[in-house]
Amino acid sequence: MLYNHRYDLINKTLLDAADILEREGWCQFIQQNRQGQRCLTEAIMATSLPIRFRHAAIQRLQDYLNEYVMEWNDYRCRTKQQAIAALKSAASTEI
């Protein structure tokens, strides 16, 4: 596979979001709660990469989950570990 800088930055966005959830915690039914815990989408949006990579990361995760990220976060995902695993798995998925 040829080097793809854009692909690497999308992966970095997903992995940075996993780090945010690991550090700050995960929540459902709200973007960020009073304890500072974040949903999957908010964790991705909280990364420091340019917005185009954050949007692409949400799309990559959505493609990996085969479901809207917010719906999966609120109704399918059950634990912080499961949310982090989804981000890491989406980051390692080939395009």
N, C-alpha and C. Protein backbone atom coordinates (compact mmCIF):
# COMPACT_ATOMS: atom_id res chain seq x y z
N MET A 1 0.84 -1.18 0.00
CA MET A 1 0.00 0.00 0.00
C MET A 1 0.88 1.24 0.00
N LEU A 2 0.58 2.18 -0.86
CA LEU A 2 1.32 3.42 -0.91
C LEU A 2 1.01 4.25 0.33
N TYR A 3 1.98 5.05 0.72
CA TYR A 3 1.79 5.92 1.88
C TYR A 3 0.68 6.92 1.60
N ASN A 4 -0.24 7.05 2.52
CA ASN A 4 -1.37 7.96 2.38
C ASN A 4 -1.45 8.82 3.64
N HIS A 5 -0.97 10.05 3.53
CA HIS A 5 -0.93 10.96 4.68
C HIS A 5 -2.32 11.22 5.25
N ARG A 6 -3.33 11.37 4.37
CA ARG A 6 -4.70 11.62 4.82
C ARG A 6 -5.21 10.44 5.65
N TYR A 7 -4.93 9.22 5.17
CA TYR A 7 -5.34 8.01 5.88
C TYR A 7 -4.72 7.98 7.28
N ASP A 8 -3.43 8.32 7.37
CA ASP A 8 -2.76 8.33 8.67
C ASP A 8 -3.36 9.35 9.62
N LEU A 9 -3.77 10.52 9.11
CA LEU A 9 -4.36 11.54 9.98
C LEU A 9 -5.76 11.16 10.43
N ILE A 10 -6.50 10.44 9.61
CA ILE A 10 -7.81 9.94 10.04
C ILE A 10 -7.60 8.91 11.15
N ASN A 11 -6.64 8.02 10.97
CA ASN A 11 -6.33 7.03 12.01
C ASN A 11 -5.89 7.73 13.29
N LYS A 12 -5.04 8.74 13.17
CA LYS A 12 -4.57 9.48 14.35
C LYS A 12 -5.75 10.12 15.08
N THR A 13 -6.71 10.66 14.32
CA THR A 13 -7.89 11.26 14.92
C THR A 13 -8.65 10.23 15.74
N LEU A 14 -8.87 9.05 15.17
CA LEU A 14 -9.59 7.98 15.88
C LEU A 14 -8.82 7.54 17.13
N LEU A 15 -7.52 7.39 17.01
CA LEU A 15 -6.72 6.95 18.16
C LEU A 15 -6.63 8.04 19.24
N ASP A 16 -6.57 9.30 18.81
CA ASP A 16 -6.59 10.41 19.79
C ASP A 16 -7.93 10.44 20.52
N ALA A 17 -9.02 10.17 19.80
CA ALA A 17 -10.35 10.13 20.44
C ALA A 17 -10.41 8.98 21.46
N ALA A 18 -9.79 7.84 21.13
CA ALA A 18 -9.74 6.73 22.07
C ALA A 18 -8.99 7.14 23.34
N ASP A 19 -7.89 7.87 23.18
CA ASP A 19 -7.13 8.37 24.33
C ASP A 19 -7.97 9.32 25.18
N ILE A 20 -8.75 10.17 24.52
CA ILE A 20 -9.62 11.10 25.25
C ILE A 20 -10.63 10.33 26.09
N LEU A 21 -11.26 9.31 25.50
CA LEU A 21 -12.23 8.52 26.26
C LEU A 21 -11.55 7.78 27.41
N GLU A 22 -10.35 7.28 27.17
CA GLU A 22 -9.62 6.57 28.22
C GLU A 22 -9.34 7.51 29.39
N ARG A 23 -8.96 8.72 29.08
CA ARG A 23 -8.58 9.71 30.09
C ARG A 23 -9.80 10.36 30.77
N GLU A 24 -10.80 10.74 29.97
CA GLU A 24 -11.90 11.56 30.49
C GLU A 24 -13.19 10.79 30.74
N GLY A 25 -13.31 9.61 30.13
CA GLY A 25 -14.51 8.81 30.32
C GLY A 25 -15.48 8.91 29.17
N TRP A 26 -16.45 8.01 29.16
CA TRP A 26 -17.43 7.87 28.08
C TRP A 26 -18.83 8.05 28.64
N CYS A 27 -19.73 8.63 27.83
CA CYS A 27 -21.11 8.80 28.26
C CYS A 27 -22.07 8.52 27.11
N GLN A 28 -23.34 8.45 27.45
CA GLN A 28 -24.40 8.22 26.47
C GLN A 28 -25.46 9.31 26.61
N PHE A 29 -26.21 9.52 25.51
CA PHE A 29 -27.37 10.40 25.46
C PHE A 29 -27.06 11.89 25.66
N ILE A 30 -25.79 12.25 25.66
CA ILE A 30 -25.37 13.65 25.78
C ILE A 30 -23.95 13.74 25.21
N GLN A 31 -23.60 14.88 24.64
CA GLN A 31 -22.26 15.01 24.06
C GLN A 31 -21.18 14.96 25.14
N GLN A 32 -21.39 15.70 26.19
CA GLN A 32 -20.44 15.73 27.31
C GLN A 32 -21.23 16.01 28.58
N ASN A 33 -20.98 15.18 29.60
CA ASN A 33 -21.72 15.37 30.84
C ASN A 33 -20.94 16.26 31.82
N ARG A 34 -21.52 16.49 32.98
CA ARG A 34 -20.90 17.38 33.98
C ARG A 34 -19.59 16.84 34.53
N GLN A 35 -19.40 15.54 34.44
CA GLN A 35 -18.14 14.94 34.90
C GLN A 35 -17.05 15.04 33.84
N GLY A 36 -17.39 15.55 32.65
CA GLY A 36 -16.41 15.69 31.57
C GLY A 36 -16.32 14.48 30.66
N GLN A 37 -17.14 13.48 30.91
CA GLN A 37 -17.15 12.30 30.04
C GLN A 37 -17.77 12.69 28.70
N ARG A 38 -17.31 12.05 27.62
CA ARG A 38 -17.76 12.40 26.28
C ARG A 38 -18.34 11.20 25.54
N CYS A 39 -19.23 11.48 24.60
CA CYS A 39 -19.72 10.43 23.70
C CYS A 39 -18.66 10.24 22.60
N LEU A 40 -18.83 9.23 21.77
CA LEU A 40 -17.86 8.96 20.71
C LEU A 40 -17.67 10.15 19.77
N THR A 41 -18.76 10.73 19.32
CA THR A 41 -18.67 11.84 18.38
C THR A 41 -17.97 13.04 19.01
N GLU A 42 -18.30 13.33 20.24
CA GLU A 42 -17.68 14.47 20.92
C GLU A 42 -16.19 14.21 21.18
N ALA A 43 -15.82 12.97 21.46
CA ALA A 43 -14.40 12.64 21.65
C ALA A 43 -13.64 12.89 20.35
N ILE A 44 -14.21 12.50 19.22
CA ILE A 44 -13.56 12.76 17.93
C ILE A 44 -13.46 14.26 17.69
N MET A 45 -14.54 14.98 17.95
CA MET A 45 -14.53 16.43 17.72
C MET A 45 -13.58 17.16 18.67
N ALA A 46 -13.23 16.56 19.79
CA ALA A 46 -12.33 17.19 20.77
C ALA A 46 -10.85 17.01 20.41
N THR A 47 -10.56 16.22 19.39
CA THR A 47 -9.16 16.07 18.98
C THR A 47 -8.67 17.37 18.36
N SER A 48 -7.37 17.50 18.24
CA SER A 48 -6.79 18.76 17.77
C SER A 48 -6.54 18.79 16.27
N LEU A 49 -6.94 17.76 15.55
CA LEU A 49 -6.69 17.75 14.11
C LEU A 49 -7.70 18.61 13.37
N PRO A 50 -7.37 19.01 12.13
CA PRO A 50 -8.29 19.85 11.36
C PRO A 50 -9.67 19.19 11.21
N ILE A 51 -10.67 20.03 11.06
CA ILE A 51 -12.05 19.57 11.03
C ILE A 51 -12.30 18.55 9.93
N ARG A 52 -11.65 18.66 8.79
CA ARG A 52 -11.89 17.70 7.71
C ARG A 52 -11.48 16.29 8.12
N PHE A 53 -10.46 16.15 8.94
CA PHE A 53 -10.04 14.83 9.41
C PHE A 53 -10.97 14.31 10.50
N ARG A 54 -11.50 15.23 11.31
CA ARG A 54 -12.47 14.81 12.33
C ARG A 54 -13.75 14.31 11.67
N HIS A 55 -14.22 15.01 10.63
CA HIS A 55 -15.42 14.55 9.91
C HIS A 55 -15.15 13.22 9.21
N ALA A 56 -13.97 13.09 8.61
CA ALA A 56 -13.61 11.83 7.94
C ALA A 56 -13.51 10.68 8.95
N ALA A 57 -13.03 10.99 10.15
CA ALA A 57 -12.94 9.96 11.20
C ALA A 57 -14.32 9.49 11.63
N ILE A 58 -15.26 10.41 11.75
CA ILE A 58 -16.63 10.03 12.10
C ILE A 58 -17.20 9.15 11.00
N GLN A 59 -16.94 9.51 9.74
CA GLN A 59 -17.42 8.69 8.62
C GLN A 59 -16.77 7.30 8.64
N ARG A 60 -15.47 7.24 8.91
CA ARG A 60 -14.78 5.95 8.98
C ARG A 60 -15.38 5.09 10.07
N LEU A 61 -15.63 5.67 11.25
CA LEU A 61 -16.22 4.92 12.35
C LEU A 61 -17.63 4.46 11.99
N GLN A 62 -18.37 5.34 11.35
CA GLN A 62 -19.73 4.99 10.93
C GLN A 62 -19.70 3.83 9.93
N ASP A 63 -18.78 3.86 8.98
CA ASP A 63 -18.63 2.76 8.03
C ASP A 63 -18.25 1.46 8.74
N TYR A 64 -17.35 1.57 9.72
CA TYR A 64 -16.93 0.39 10.48
C TYR A 64 -18.10 -0.20 11.27
N LEU A 65 -18.89 0.66 11.91
CA LEU A 65 -20.01 0.20 12.73
C LEU A 65 -21.22 -0.21 11.89
N ASN A 66 -21.27 0.30 10.66
CA ASN A 66 -22.42 0.09 9.78
C ASN A 66 -23.71 0.64 10.41
N GLU A 67 -23.54 1.77 11.08
CA GLU A 67 -24.64 2.41 11.80
C GLU A 67 -24.22 3.84 12.13
N TYR A 68 -25.18 4.74 12.30
CA TYR A 68 -24.84 6.09 12.72
C TYR A 68 -24.12 6.03 14.06
N VAL A 69 -23.04 6.79 14.16
CA VAL A 69 -22.21 6.75 15.36
C VAL A 69 -23.00 7.09 16.62
N MET A 70 -23.83 8.13 16.55
CA MET A 70 -24.58 8.55 17.74
C MET A 70 -25.58 7.48 18.18
N GLU A 71 -26.20 6.82 17.22
CA GLU A 71 -27.14 5.74 17.59
C GLU A 71 -26.39 4.57 18.22
N TRP A 72 -25.26 4.22 17.63
CA TRP A 72 -24.48 3.11 18.19
C TRP A 72 -24.01 3.46 19.60
N ASN A 73 -23.52 4.69 19.77
CA ASN A 73 -23.05 5.15 21.07
C ASN A 73 -24.16 5.05 22.13
N ASP A 74 -25.36 5.49 21.77
CA ASP A 74 -26.44 5.58 22.76
C ASP A 74 -27.21 4.29 22.97
N TYR A 75 -27.30 3.43 21.95
CA TYR A 75 -28.19 2.27 22.07
C TYR A 75 -27.51 0.91 21.96
N ARG A 76 -26.34 0.83 21.36
CA ARG A 76 -25.68 -0.47 21.20
C ARG A 76 -24.48 -0.64 22.13
N CYS A 77 -23.71 0.42 22.24
CA CYS A 77 -22.50 0.38 23.06
C CYS A 77 -22.88 0.29 24.53
N ARG A 78 -22.17 -0.52 25.28
CA ARG A 78 -22.51 -0.73 26.69
C ARG A 78 -21.42 -0.27 27.67
N THR A 79 -20.18 -0.16 27.21
CA THR A 79 -19.10 0.19 28.13
C THR A 79 -18.09 1.13 27.47
N LYS A 80 -17.33 1.81 28.29
CA LYS A 80 -16.26 2.66 27.80
C LYS A 80 -15.25 1.82 27.02
N GLN A 81 -14.96 0.63 27.50
CA GLN A 81 -14.01 -0.25 26.82
C GLN A 81 -14.50 -0.63 25.42
N GLN A 82 -15.79 -0.84 25.28
CA GLN A 82 -16.36 -1.18 23.98
C GLN A 82 -16.25 0.03 23.03
N ALA A 83 -16.48 1.22 23.53
CA ALA A 83 -16.36 2.43 22.71
C ALA A 83 -14.92 2.63 22.26
N ILE A 84 -13.98 2.46 23.17
CA ILE A 84 -12.55 2.61 22.83
C ILE A 84 -12.13 1.55 21.82
N ALA A 85 -12.59 0.33 22.00
CA ALA A 85 -12.26 -0.75 21.07
C ALA A 85 -12.78 -0.45 19.67
N ALA A 86 -13.97 0.13 19.57
CA ALA A 86 -14.53 0.48 18.26
C ALA A 86 -13.66 1.53 17.57
N LEU A 87 -13.22 2.54 18.31
CA LEU A 87 -12.34 3.57 17.72
C LEU A 87 -11.03 2.95 17.24
N LYS A 88 -10.42 2.11 18.04
CA LYS A 88 -9.15 1.50 17.67
C LYS A 88 -9.32 0.54 16.49
N SER A 89 -10.40 -0.20 16.47
CA SER A 89 -10.64 -1.12 15.35
C SER A 89 -10.90 -0.36 14.06
N ALA A 90 -11.67 0.72 14.13
CA ALA A 90 -11.93 1.53 12.94
C ALA A 90 -10.62 2.13 12.42
N ALA A 91 -9.73 2.49 13.33
CA ALA A 91 -8.44 3.07 12.92
C ALA A 91 -7.56 2.04 12.20
N SER A 92 -7.72 0.79 12.52
CA SER A 92 -6.88 -0.24 11.91
C SER A 92 -7.52 -0.86 10.67
N THR A 93 -8.72 -0.41 10.31
CA THR A 93 -9.43 -0.95 9.15
C THR A 93 -8.84 -0.38 7.87
N GLU A 94 -8.59 -1.24 6.91
CA GLU A 94 -8.07 -0.80 5.61
C GLU A 94 -9.18 -0.14 4.80
N ILE A 95 -8.79 0.85 3.99
CA ILE A 95 -9.77 1.49 3.09
C ILE A 95 -9.82 0.76 1.78
